[in-house]
Amino acid sequence: MENVPAEALVFTDESAICERDLMRVFGRSPSGKRVTRWIKRTNAKRYSLLPAIGLNGMLAMTVREGSIDRKRFETFLEFQLLPAMNPFPAVNSVLVMDNARIHHGGRIAELCEERGV
């Protein structure tokens, strides 16, 4: 990696947030009084974010309700990210991912090889 120029690197990683995660668990009240807040129990929605960022900014991004599995990751690669990338050794030509399970198997390696990434 040390021989790869920074402008060739593109990083992608999933992140998610659940509406329930936004609820406060601490609060303020007058001295000696306990903080109380009733929270209505609901099935909170989960949103997943999948960006791809290079040295010159965002190349692609998707936000969806629910989780991102391998099939959805492949779709993101095929129709959003890889069309914005270039064959190696050009700018935006090296895709850097973590070791998540959804990054292995399926058509991921094939899609990247077809694009020269």
Protein backbone atom coordinates (compact mmCIF):
# COMPACT_ATOMS: atom_id res chain seq x y z
CA MET A 1 0.00 0.00 0.00
CA GLU A 2 2.88 2.40 0.61
CA ASN A 3 3.60 2.50 -3.14
CA VAL A 4 0.01 3.35 -4.05
CA PRO A 5 -0.57 7.10 -4.49
CA ALA A 6 -3.19 8.62 -2.18
CA GLU A 7 -5.32 9.82 -5.11
CA ALA A 8 -5.79 6.20 -6.22
CA LEU A 9 -7.39 5.12 -2.92
CA VAL A 10 -11.16 4.86 -2.41
CA PHE A 11 -12.49 3.82 1.01
CA THR A 12 -15.90 2.29 1.70
CA ASP A 13 -17.48 1.09 4.94
CA GLU A 14 -20.99 0.55 6.26
CA SER A 15 -22.48 2.38 9.21
CA ALA A 16 -25.93 2.20 10.76
CA ILE A 17 -28.08 4.03 13.24
CA CYS A 18 -31.31 3.08 14.94
CA GLU A 19 -33.89 5.66 16.03
CA ARG A 20 -33.71 4.15 19.50
CA ASP A 21 -29.99 5.03 19.63
CA LEU A 22 -30.93 8.71 19.48
CA MET A 23 -32.87 8.63 22.76
CA ARG A 24 -31.13 10.24 25.71
CA VAL A 25 -30.32 8.02 28.66
CA PHE A 26 -29.20 10.85 30.97
CA GLY A 27 -30.80 14.18 31.86
CA ARG A 28 -30.90 17.10 34.30
CA SER A 29 -33.31 17.72 37.13
CA PRO A 30 -33.41 19.84 40.27
CA SER A 31 -31.09 18.67 43.03
CA GLY A 32 -32.57 15.73 44.91
CA LYS A 33 -35.14 14.96 42.20
CA ARG A 34 -34.84 11.96 39.94
CA VAL A 35 -35.00 12.45 36.19
CA THR A 36 -38.00 10.68 34.71
CA ARG A 37 -39.03 10.35 31.15
CA TRP A 38 -41.45 7.91 29.69
CA ILE A 39 -40.46 6.48 26.35
CA LYS A 40 -43.12 4.93 24.19
CA ARG A 41 -42.01 1.47 23.10
CA THR A 42 -42.00 1.19 19.36
CA ASN A 43 -40.21 -0.79 16.74
CA ALA A 44 -37.47 1.67 15.93
CA LYS A 45 -36.32 1.96 12.35
CA ARG A 46 -32.72 1.19 11.41
CA TYR A 47 -30.94 3.13 8.67
CA SER A 48 -27.75 1.99 6.96
CA LEU A 49 -25.28 4.28 5.27
CA LEU A 50 -22.74 3.11 2.71
CA PRO A 51 -20.39 5.84 1.44
CA ALA A 52 -17.33 5.60 -0.81
CA ILE A 53 -14.78 8.39 -0.36
CA GLY A 54 -11.65 9.23 -2.32
CA LEU A 55 -9.07 11.98 -1.88
CA ASN A 56 -11.21 14.39 -3.93
CA GLY A 57 -14.45 13.68 -2.08
CA MET A 58 -17.47 11.39 -2.22
CA LEU A 59 -17.69 9.02 -5.20
CA ALA A 60 -20.92 7.24 -4.26
CA MET A 61 -23.30 6.82 -1.36
CA THR A 62 -26.46 4.95 -0.52
CA VAL A 63 -28.76 5.24 2.49
CA ARG A 64 -31.46 2.68 3.08
CA GLU A 65 -33.83 1.50 5.76
CA GLY A 66 -32.66 -1.82 7.20
CA SER A 67 -29.30 -3.53 6.94
CA ILE A 68 -26.89 -3.92 4.04
CA ASP A 69 -26.20 -7.53 3.08
CA ARG A 70 -23.82 -8.92 0.45
CA LYS A 71 -26.39 -8.71 -2.36
CA ARG A 72 -27.11 -5.04 -1.64
CA PHE A 73 -23.37 -4.36 -1.38
CA GLU A 74 -22.84 -5.98 -4.80
CA THR A 75 -25.61 -3.81 -6.25
CA PHE A 76 -23.97 -0.70 -4.77
CA LEU A 77 -20.63 -1.70 -6.29
CA GLU A 78 -22.02 -2.58 -9.71
CA PHE A 79 -24.32 0.38 -10.29
CA GLN A 80 -22.93 3.21 -8.15
CA LEU A 81 -19.32 2.87 -7.04
CA LEU A 82 -17.47 0.98 -9.78
CA PRO A 83 -18.82 3.20 -12.61
CA ALA A 84 -17.25 6.15 -10.72
CA MET A 85 -13.86 4.39 -10.42
CA ASN A 86 -11.05 3.93 -12.95
CA PRO A 87 -8.78 1.02 -13.90
CA PHE A 88 -5.52 0.77 -11.94
CA PRO A 89 -3.21 2.79 -11.70
CA ALA A 90 -5.40 5.84 -12.41
CA VAL A 91 -7.04 8.16 -9.87
CA ASN A 92 -9.76 6.36 -7.83
CA SER A 93 -8.57 2.91 -8.86
CA VAL A 94 -7.84 1.07 -5.57
CA LEU A 95 -10.82 0.04 -3.42
CA VAL A 96 -10.09 -0.29 0.31
CA MET A 97 -12.60 -2.22 2.47
CA ASP A 98 -12.55 -3.73 5.94
CA ASN A 99 -12.82 -7.48 6.52
CA ALA A 100 -16.62 -7.59 6.93
CA ARG A 101 -18.37 -10.77 5.81
CA ILE A 102 -20.41 -8.95 3.19
CA HIS A 103 -17.17 -7.98 1.41
CA HIS A 104 -16.28 -11.63 0.72
CA GLY A 105 -17.73 -14.06 -1.79
CA GLY A 106 -20.49 -13.54 -4.26
CA ARG A 107 -19.60 -11.46 -7.32
CA ILE A 108 -17.53 -8.82 -5.51
CA ALA A 109 -14.07 -9.89 -6.75
CA GLU A 110 -15.46 -10.53 -10.25
CA LEU A 111 -17.06 -7.07 -10.46
CA CYS A 112 -13.85 -5.37 -9.33
CA GLU A 113 -11.70 -7.37 -11.75
CA GLU A 114 -14.01 -6.54 -14.67
CA ARG A 115 -13.57 -2.84 -13.90
CA GLY A 116 -9.79 -3.14 -13.41
CA VAL A 117 -10.04 -2.08 -9.77
